[in-house]
PDB file of all heavy atoms in Angstrom:
ATOM      1  N   ALA A   1       6.104   6.536  -6.907  1.00  0.00           N
ATOM      2  CA  ALA A   1       4.653   6.667  -6.695  1.00  0.00           C
ATOM      3  C   ALA A   1       4.021   5.313  -6.397  1.00  0.00           C
ATOM      4  O   ALA A   1       3.181   5.189  -5.493  1.00  0.00           O
ATOM      5  CB  ALA A   1       3.997   7.308  -7.917  1.00  0.00           C
ATOM      6  N   VAL A   2       4.426   4.282  -7.132  1.00  0.00           N
ATOM      7  CA  VAL A   2       3.887   2.940  -6.894  1.00  0.00           C
ATOM      8  C   VAL A   2       4.323   2.440  -5.518  1.00  0.00           C
ATOM      9  O   VAL A   2       3.515   1.877  -4.772  1.00  0.00           O
ATOM     10  CB  VAL A   2       4.316   1.945  -8.007  1.00  0.00           C
ATOM     11  CG1 VAL A   2       3.911   0.521  -7.657  1.00  0.00           C
ATOM     12  CG2 VAL A   2       3.724   2.352  -9.356  1.00  0.00           C
ATOM     13  N   ALA A   3       5.582   2.660  -5.164  1.00  0.00           N
ATOM     14  CA  ALA A   3       6.085   2.216  -3.862  1.00  0.00           C
ATOM     15  C   ALA A   3       5.318   2.891  -2.724  1.00  0.00           C
ATOM     16  O   ALA A   3       4.953   2.231  -1.738  1.00  0.00           O
ATOM     17  CB  ALA A   3       7.582   2.510  -3.747  1.00  0.00           C
ATOM     18  N   GLN A   4       5.051   4.178  -2.868  1.00  0.00           N
ATOM     19  CA  GLN A   4       4.318   4.899  -1.822  1.00  0.00           C
ATOM     20  C   GLN A   4       2.898   4.367  -1.668  1.00  0.00           C
ATOM     21  O   GLN A   4       2.389   4.251  -0.560  1.00  0.00           O
ATOM     22  CB  GLN A   4       4.283   6.398  -2.119  1.00  0.00           C
ATOM     23  CG  GLN A   4       5.600   7.081  -1.898  1.00  0.00           C
ATOM     24  CD  GLN A   4       5.571   8.544  -2.330  1.00  0.00           C
ATOM     25  OE1 GLN A   4       4.681   8.985  -3.036  1.00  0.00           O
ATOM     26  NE2 GLN A   4       6.584   9.294  -1.885  1.00  0.00           N
ATOM     27  N   ARG A   5       2.241   4.060  -2.775  1.00  0.00           N
ATOM     28  CA  ARG A   5       0.844   3.612  -2.720  1.00  0.00           C
ATOM     29  C   ARG A   5       0.693   2.145  -2.331  1.00  0.00           C
ATOM     30  O   ARG A   5      -0.326   1.759  -1.766  1.00  0.00           O
ATOM     31  CB  ARG A   5       0.157   3.812  -4.077  1.00  0.00           C
ATOM     32  CG  ARG A   5      -0.140   5.239  -4.435  1.00  0.00           C
ATOM     33  CD  ARG A   5      -1.465   5.768  -3.887  1.00  0.00           C
ATOM     34  NE  ARG A   5      -2.639   4.973  -4.098  1.00  0.00           N
ATOM     35  CZ  ARG A   5      -3.412   4.978  -5.171  1.00  0.00           C
ATOM     36  NH1 ARG A   5      -3.110   5.756  -6.188  1.00  0.00           N
ATOM     37  NH2 ARG A   5      -4.480   4.206  -5.232  1.00  0.00           N
ATOM     38  N   THR A   6       1.701   1.318  -2.660  1.00  0.00           N
ATOM     39  CA  THR A   6       1.548  -0.132  -2.464  1.00  0.00           C
ATOM     40  C   THR A   6       2.417  -0.709  -1.366  1.00  0.00           C
ATOM     41  O   THR A   6       2.129  -1.794  -0.871  1.00  0.00           O
ATOM     42  CB  THR A   6       1.889  -0.890  -3.758  1.00  0.00           C
ATOM     43  OG1 THR A   6       3.276  -0.679  -4.071  1.00  0.00           O
ATOM     44  CG2 THR A   6       1.003  -0.467  -4.916  1.00  0.00           C
ATOM     45  N   GLY A   7       3.509  -0.040  -1.040  1.00  0.00           N
ATOM     46  CA  GLY A   7       4.455  -0.606  -0.087  1.00  0.00           C
ATOM     47  C   GLY A   7       5.390  -1.629  -0.716  1.00  0.00           C
ATOM     48  O   GLY A   7       6.212  -2.227  -0.023  1.00  0.00           O
ATOM     49  N   LEU A   8       5.271  -1.837  -2.032  1.00  0.00           N
ATOM     50  CA  LEU A   8       6.167  -2.775  -2.718  1.00  0.00           C
ATOM     51  C   LEU A   8       7.573  -2.193  -2.792  1.00  0.00           C
ATOM     52  O   LEU A   8       7.763  -0.976  -2.839  1.00  0.00           O
ATOM     53  CB  LEU A   8       5.661  -3.058  -4.137  1.00  0.00           C
ATOM     54  CG  LEU A   8       4.352  -3.833  -4.271  1.00  0.00           C
ATOM     55  CD1 LEU A   8       3.914  -3.879  -5.737  1.00  0.00           C
ATOM     56  CD2 LEU A   8       4.485  -5.235  -3.706  1.00  0.00           C
ATOM     57  N   ASP A   9       8.553  -3.069  -2.834  1.00  0.00           N
ATOM     58  CA  ASP A   9       9.951  -2.704  -2.961  1.00  0.00           C
ATOM     59  C   ASP A   9      10.207  -2.059  -4.325  1.00  0.00           C
ATOM     60  O   ASP A   9       9.693  -2.535  -5.350  1.00  0.00           O
ATOM     61  CB  ASP A   9      10.806  -3.973  -2.804  1.00  0.00           C
ATOM     62  CG  ASP A   9      12.265  -3.720  -3.043  1.00  0.00           C
ATOM     63  OD1 ASP A   9      12.898  -3.061  -2.204  1.00  0.00           O
ATOM     64  OD2 ASP A   9      12.764  -4.178  -4.102  1.00  0.00           O
ATOM     65  N   ALA A  10      10.996  -0.993  -4.337  1.00  0.00           N
ATOM     66  CA  ALA A  10      11.281  -0.262  -5.578  1.00  0.00           C
ATOM     67  C   ALA A  10      11.915  -1.166  -6.635  1.00  0.00           C
ATOM     68  O   ALA A  10      11.601  -1.053  -7.828  1.00  0.00           O
ATOM     69  CB  ALA A  10      12.182   0.932  -5.301  1.00  0.00           C
ATOM     70  N   GLY A  11      12.787  -2.069  -6.237  1.00  0.00           N
ATOM     71  CA  GLY A  11      13.405  -2.996  -7.184  1.00  0.00           C
ATOM     72  C   GLY A  11      12.378  -3.912  -7.830  1.00  0.00           C
ATOM     73  O   GLY A  11      12.445  -4.198  -9.029  1.00  0.00           O
ATOM     74  N   MET A  12      11.425  -4.366  -7.030  1.00  0.00           N
ATOM     75  CA  MET A  12      10.359  -5.224  -7.557  1.00  0.00           C
ATOM     76  C   MET A  12       9.499  -4.445  -8.552  1.00  0.00           C
ATOM     77  O   MET A  12       9.153  -4.955  -9.622  1.00  0.00           O
ATOM     78  CB  MET A  12       9.483  -5.752  -6.417  1.00  0.00           C
ATOM     79  CG  MET A  12       8.387  -6.687  -6.877  1.00  0.00           C
ATOM     80  SD  MET A  12       7.263  -7.189  -5.543  1.00  0.00           S
ATOM     81  CE  MET A  12       8.367  -8.027  -4.421  1.00  0.00           C
ATOM     82  N   ILE A  13       9.198  -3.212  -8.217  1.00  0.00           N
ATOM     83  CA  ILE A  13       8.383  -2.376  -9.108  1.00  0.00           C
ATOM     84  C   ILE A  13       9.114  -2.157 -10.425  1.00  0.00           C
ATOM     85  O   ILE A  13       8.518  -2.241 -11.502  1.00  0.00           O
ATOM     86  CB  ILE A  13       8.043  -1.036  -8.434  1.00  0.00           C
ATOM     87  CG1 ILE A  13       7.199  -1.278  -7.189  1.00  0.00           C
ATOM     88  CG2 ILE A  13       7.329  -0.100  -9.417  1.00  0.00           C
ATOM     89  CD1 ILE A  13       7.114  -0.102  -6.248  1.00  0.00           C
ATOM     90  N   GLN A  14      10.411  -1.896 -10.333  1.00  0.00           N
ATOM     91  CA  GLN A  14      11.229  -1.694 -11.534  1.00  0.00           C
ATOM     92  C   GLN A  14      11.147  -2.929 -12.436  1.00  0.00           C
ATOM     93  O   GLN A  14      11.072  -2.799 -13.659  1.00  0.00           O
ATOM     94  CB  GLN A  14      12.686  -1.437 -11.116  1.00  0.00           C
ATOM     95  CG  GLN A  14      13.568  -0.938 -12.221  1.00  0.00           C
ATOM     96  CD  GLN A  14      13.517   0.566 -12.364  1.00  0.00           C
ATOM     97  OE1 GLN A  14      13.288   1.281 -11.404  1.00  0.00           O
ATOM     98  NE2 GLN A  14      13.741   1.045 -13.550  1.00  0.00           N
ATOM     99  N   GLN A  15      11.131  -4.120 -11.839  1.00  0.00           N
ATOM    100  CA  GLN A  15      11.018  -5.360 -12.614  1.00  0.00           C
ATOM    101  C   GLN A  15       9.614  -5.549 -13.187  1.00  0.00           C
ATOM    102  O   GLN A  15       9.456  -6.159 -14.247  1.00  0.00           O
ATOM    103  CB  GLN A  15      11.373  -6.564 -11.745  1.00  0.00           C
ATOM    104  CG  GLN A  15      12.816  -6.627 -11.340  1.00  0.00           C
ATOM    105  CD  GLN A  15      13.078  -7.766 -10.356  1.00  0.00           C
ATOM    106  OE1 GLN A  15      12.196  -8.543 -10.034  1.00  0.00           O
ATOM    107  NE2 GLN A  15      14.314  -7.842  -9.881  1.00  0.00           N
ATOM    108  N   MET A  16       8.605  -5.040 -12.504  1.00  0.00           N
ATOM    109  CA  MET A  16       7.219  -5.197 -12.952  1.00  0.00           C
ATOM    110  C   MET A  16       6.837  -4.222 -14.068  1.00  0.00           C
ATOM    111  O   MET A  16       5.948  -4.522 -14.869  1.00  0.00           O
ATOM    112  CB  MET A  16       6.263  -4.994 -11.766  1.00  0.00           C
ATOM    113  CG  MET A  16       6.359  -6.067 -10.704  1.00  0.00           C
ATOM    114  SD  MET A  16       5.411  -5.637  -9.214  1.00  0.00           S
ATOM    115  CE  MET A  16       3.787  -6.215  -9.692  1.00  0.00           C
ATOM    116  N   LEU A  17       7.475  -3.070 -14.130  1.00  0.00           N
ATOM    117  CA  LEU A  17       7.097  -2.046 -15.109  1.00  0.00           C
ATOM    118  C   LEU A  17       7.077  -2.544 -16.557  1.00  0.00           C
ATOM    119  O   LEU A  17       6.145  -2.213 -17.297  1.00  0.00           O
ATOM    120  CB  LEU A  17       8.002  -0.817 -14.998  1.00  0.00           C
ATOM    121  CG  LEU A  17       7.649   0.192 -13.920  1.00  0.00           C
ATOM    122  CD1 LEU A  17       8.645   1.346 -13.934  1.00  0.00           C
ATOM    123  CD2 LEU A  17       6.235   0.705 -14.064  1.00  0.00           C
ATOM    124  N   PRO A  18       8.070  -3.351 -16.995  1.00  0.00           N
ATOM    125  CA  PRO A  18       8.015  -3.815 -18.384  1.00  0.00           C
ATOM    126  C   PRO A  18       6.830  -4.747 -18.674  1.00  0.00           C
ATOM    127  O   PRO A  18       6.575  -5.062 -19.832  1.00  0.00           O
ATOM    128  CB  PRO A  18       9.345  -4.564 -18.565  1.00  0.00           C
ATOM    129  CG  PRO A  18      10.245  -3.990 -17.531  1.00  0.00           C
ATOM    130  CD  PRO A  18       9.359  -3.658 -16.363  1.00  0.00           C
ATOM    131  N   ILE A  19       6.130  -5.163 -17.647  1.00  0.00           N
ATOM    132  CA  ILE A  19       4.917  -5.954 -17.844  1.00  0.00           C
ATOM    133  C   ILE A  19       3.689  -5.056 -17.690  1.00  0.00           C
ATOM    134  O   ILE A  19       2.743  -5.139 -18.480  1.00  0.00           O
ATOM    135  CB  ILE A  19       4.854  -7.122 -16.832  1.00  0.00           C
ATOM    136  CG1 ILE A  19       6.080  -8.024 -16.997  1.00  0.00           C
ATOM    137  CG2 ILE A  19       3.565  -7.926 -17.014  1.00  0.00           C
ATOM    138  CD1 ILE A  19       6.295  -8.995 -15.863  1.00  0.00           C
ATOM    139  N   LEU A  20       3.706  -4.180 -16.696  1.00  0.00           N
ATOM    140  CA  LEU A  20       2.547  -3.330 -16.418  1.00  0.00           C
ATOM    141  C   LEU A  20       2.266  -2.345 -17.550  1.00  0.00           C
ATOM    142  O   LEU A  20       1.103  -2.152 -17.932  1.00  0.00           O
ATOM    143  CB  LEU A  20       2.743  -2.575 -15.099  1.00  0.00           C
ATOM    144  CG  LEU A  20       2.738  -3.432 -13.827  1.00  0.00           C
ATOM    145  CD1 LEU A  20       3.118  -2.591 -12.615  1.00  0.00           C
ATOM    146  CD2 LEU A  20       1.385  -4.095 -13.627  1.00  0.00           C
ATOM    147  N   VAL A  21       3.289  -1.718 -18.096  1.00  0.00           N
ATOM    148  CA  VAL A  21       3.079  -0.720 -19.151  1.00  0.00           C
ATOM    149  C   VAL A  21       2.449  -1.361 -20.394  1.00  0.00           C
ATOM    150  O   VAL A  21       1.425  -0.860 -20.891  1.00  0.00           O
ATOM    151  CB  VAL A  21       4.381   0.043 -19.480  1.00  0.00           C
ATOM    152  CG1 VAL A  21       4.221   0.906 -20.732  1.00  0.00           C
ATOM    153  CG2 VAL A  21       4.810   0.902 -18.293  1.00  0.00           C
ATOM    154  N   PRO A  22       2.981  -2.474 -20.918  1.00  0.00           N
ATOM    155  CA  PRO A  22       2.316  -3.093 -22.078  1.00  0.00           C
ATOM    156  C   PRO A  22       0.884  -3.556 -21.778  1.00  0.00           C
ATOM    157  O   PRO A  22       0.030  -3.523 -22.666  1.00  0.00           O
ATOM    158  CB  PRO A  22       3.211  -4.287 -22.415  1.00  0.00           C
ATOM    159  CG  PRO A  22       4.547  -3.926 -21.876  1.00  0.00           C
ATOM    160  CD  PRO A  22       4.271  -3.119 -20.645  1.00  0.00           C
ATOM    161  N   LEU A  23       0.611  -3.958 -20.524  1.00  0.00           N
ATOM    162  CA  LEU A  23      -0.751  -4.354 -20.171  1.00  0.00           C
ATOM    163  C   LEU A  23      -1.711  -3.174 -20.272  1.00  0.00           C
ATOM    164  O   LEU A  23      -2.820  -3.302 -20.799  1.00  0.00           O
ATOM    165  CB  LEU A  23      -0.803  -4.934 -18.758  1.00  0.00           C
ATOM    166  CG  LEU A  23      -0.292  -6.348 -18.580  1.00  0.00           C
ATOM    167  CD1 LEU A  23      -0.325  -6.739 -17.104  1.00  0.00           C
ATOM    168  CD2 LEU A  23      -1.089  -7.331 -19.406  1.00  0.00           C
ATOM    169  N   VAL A  24      -1.303  -2.028 -19.740  1.00  0.00           N
ATOM    170  CA  VAL A  24      -2.139  -0.826 -19.847  1.00  0.00           C
ATOM    171  C   VAL A  24      -2.374  -0.502 -21.319  1.00  0.00           C
ATOM    172  O   VAL A  24      -3.506  -0.251 -21.741  1.00  0.00           O
ATOM    173  CB  VAL A  24      -1.495   0.373 -19.108  1.00  0.00           C
ATOM    174  CG1 VAL A  24      -2.245   1.668 -19.418  1.00  0.00           C
ATOM    175  CG2 VAL A  24      -1.449   0.127 -17.609  1.00  0.00           C
ATOM    176  N   LEU A  25      -1.317  -0.540 -22.120  1.00  0.00           N
ATOM    177  CA  LEU A  25      -1.442  -0.229 -23.545  1.00  0.00           C
ATOM    178  C   LEU A  25      -2.315  -1.263 -24.261  1.00  0.00           C
ATOM    179  O   LEU A  25      -3.095  -0.912 -25.158  1.00  0.00           O
ATOM    180  CB  LEU A  25      -0.060  -0.137 -24.191  1.00  0.00           C
ATOM    181  CG  LEU A  25       0.847   0.963 -23.644  1.00  0.00           C
ATOM    182  CD1 LEU A  25       2.227   0.884 -24.287  1.00  0.00           C
ATOM    183  CD2 LEU A  25       0.235   2.340 -23.810  1.00  0.00           C
ATOM    184  N   ASN A  26      -2.203  -2.520 -23.869  1.00  0.00           N
ATOM    185  CA  ASN A  26      -3.027  -3.573 -24.466  1.00  0.00           C
ATOM    186  C   ASN A  26      -4.498  -3.325 -24.175  1.00  0.00           C
ATOM    187  O   ASN A  26      -5.364  -3.509 -25.032  1.00  0.00           O
ATOM    188  CB  ASN A  26      -2.586  -4.938 -23.938  1.00  0.00           C
ATOM    189  CG  ASN A  26      -3.127  -6.093 -24.756  1.00  0.00           C
ATOM    190  OD1 ASN A  26      -3.819  -5.923 -25.737  1.00  0.00           O
ATOM    191  ND2 ASN A  26      -2.800  -7.295 -24.328  1.00  0.00           N
ATOM    192  N   PHE A  27      -4.776  -2.913 -22.955  1.00  0.00           N
ATOM    193  CA  PHE A  27      -6.145  -2.592 -22.568  1.00  0.00           C
ATOM    194  C   PHE A  27      -6.677  -1.457 -23.444  1.00  0.00           C
ATOM    195  O   PHE A  27      -7.824  -1.491 -23.895  1.00  0.00           O
ATOM    196  CB  PHE A  27      -6.146  -2.194 -21.086  1.00  0.00           C
ATOM    197  CG  PHE A  27      -7.437  -2.427 -20.386  1.00  0.00           C
ATOM    198  CD1 PHE A  27      -7.949  -3.705 -20.230  1.00  0.00           C
ATOM    199  CD2 PHE A  27      -8.152  -1.368 -19.870  1.00  0.00           C
ATOM    200  CE1 PHE A  27      -9.143  -3.923 -19.565  1.00  0.00           C
ATOM    201  CE2 PHE A  27      -9.344  -1.570 -19.199  1.00  0.00           C
ATOM    202  CZ  PHE A  27      -9.839  -2.857 -19.049  1.00  0.00           C
ATOM    203  N   LEU A  28      -5.848  -0.465 -23.713  1.00  0.00           N
ATOM    204  CA  LEU A  28      -6.249   0.677 -24.536  1.00  0.00           C
ATOM    205  C   LEU A  28      -6.426   0.295 -26.000  1.00  0.00           C
ATOM    206  O   LEU A  28      -7.224   0.904 -26.715  1.00  0.00           O
ATOM    207  CB  LEU A  28      -5.220   1.800 -24.419  1.00  0.00           C
ATOM    208  CG  LEU A  28      -5.024   2.370 -23.028  1.00  0.00           C
ATOM    209  CD1 LEU A  28      -3.904   3.387 -23.027  1.00  0.00           C
ATOM    210  CD2 LEU A  28      -6.315   2.961 -22.492  1.00  0.00           C
ATOM    211  N   GLN A  29      -5.703  -0.720 -26.430  1.00  0.00           N
ATOM    212  CA  GLN A  29      -5.773  -1.132 -27.829  1.00  0.00           C
ATOM    213  C   GLN A  29      -7.113  -1.787 -28.174  1.00  0.00           C
ATOM    214  O   GLN A  29      -7.461  -1.884 -29.345  1.00  0.00           O
ATOM    215  CB  GLN A  29      -4.624  -2.078 -28.161  1.00  0.00           C
ATOM    216  CG  GLN A  29      -4.458  -2.290 -29.647  1.00  0.00           C
ATOM    217  CD  GLN A  29      -3.280  -3.163 -29.967  1.00  0.00           C
ATOM    218  OE1 GLN A  29      -2.972  -4.095 -29.232  1.00  0.00           O
ATOM    219  NE2 GLN A  29      -2.617  -2.881 -31.064  1.00  0.00           N
ATOM    220  N   THR A  30      -7.887  -2.175 -27.169  1.00  0.00           N
ATOM    221  CA  THR A  30      -9.172  -2.827 -27.448  1.00  0.00           C
ATOM    222  C   THR A  30     -10.071  -1.971 -28.329  1.00  0.00           C
ATOM    223  O   THR A  30     -10.887  -2.496 -29.075  1.00  0.00           O
ATOM    224  CB  THR A  30      -9.933  -3.172 -26.147  1.00  0.00           C
ATOM    225  OG1 THR A  30     -10.196  -1.971 -25.412  1.00  0.00           O
ATOM    226  CG2 THR A  30      -9.167  -4.169 -25.288  1.00  0.00           C
ATOM    227  N   GLY A  31      -9.939  -0.663 -28.252  1.00  0.00           N
ATOM    228  CA  GLY A  31     -10.803   0.224 -29.023  1.00  0.00           C
ATOM    229  C   GLY A  31     -10.309   0.562 -30.409  1.00  0.00           C
ATOM    230  O   GLY A  31     -10.979   1.269 -31.161  1.00  0.00           O
ATOM    231  N   THR A  32      -9.139   0.052 -30.791  1.00  0.00           N
ATOM    232  CA  THR A  32      -8.578   0.359 -32.107  1.00  0.00           C
ATOM    233  C   THR A  32      -9.484  -0.195 -33.203  1.00  0.00           C
ATOM    234  O   THR A  32      -9.932  -1.334 -33.137  1.00  0.00           O
ATOM    235  CB  THR A  32      -7.164  -0.248 -32.236  1.00  0.00           C
ATOM    236  OG1 THR A  32      -6.341   0.274 -31.201  1.00  0.00           O
ATOM    237  CG2 THR A  32      -6.544   0.074 -33.582  1.00  0.00           C
ATOM    238  N   THR A  33      -9.737   0.650 -34.180  1.00  0.00           N
ATOM    239  CA  THR A  33     -10.546   0.227 -35.318  1.00  0.00           C
ATOM    240  C   THR A  33      -9.651   0.040 -36.529  1.00  0.00           C
ATOM    241  O   THR A  33      -8.605   0.661 -36.647  1.00  0.00           O
ATOM    242  CB  THR A  33     -11.627   1.267 -35.657  1.00  0.00           C
ATOM    243  OG1 THR A  33     -10.991   2.481 -36.019  1.00  0.00           O
ATOM    244  CG2 THR A  33     -12.572   1.493 -34.502  1.00  0.00           C
ATOM    245  N   SER A  34     -10.086  -0.814 -37.422  1.00  0.00           N
ATOM    246  CA  SER A  34      -9.326  -1.015 -38.651  1.00  0.00           C
ATOM    247  C   SER A  34      -9.751  -0.023 -39.730  1.00  0.00           C
ATOM    248  O   SER A  34      -9.024   0.210 -40.670  1.00  0.00           O
ATOM    249  CB  SER A  34      -9.501  -2.455 -39.153  1.00  0.00           C
ATOM    250  OG  SER A  34     -10.875  -2.750 -39.288  1.00  0.00           O
ATOM    251  N   GLN A  35     -10.939   0.578 -39.573  1.00  0.00           N
ATOM    252  CA  GLN A  35     -11.480   1.445 -40.607  1.00  0.00           C
ATOM    253  C   GLN A  35     -10.958   2.879 -40.543  1.00  0.00           C
ATOM    254  O   GLN A  35     -10.514   3.421 -41.531  1.00  0.00           O
ATOM    255  CB  GLN A  35     -13.017   1.505 -40.519  1.00  0.00           C
ATOM    256  CG  GLN A  35     -13.710   0.437 -41.323  1.00  0.00           C
ATOM    257  CD  GLN A  35     -13.568  -0.934 -40.706  1.00  0.00           C
ATOM    258  OE1 GLN A  35     -13.361  -1.066 -39.520  1.00  0.00           O
ATOM    259  NE2 GLN A  35     -13.652  -1.962 -41.516  1.00  0.00           N
TER     260      GLN A  35
END
């Protein structure tokens, strides 16, 4: 899906995923409350 939308090489995308997924999750963690 990423290759189709971006034109990036599948191997490059495979290498980027371990960075992209934690970034998305980090963005979502901003709303975590301690209470």
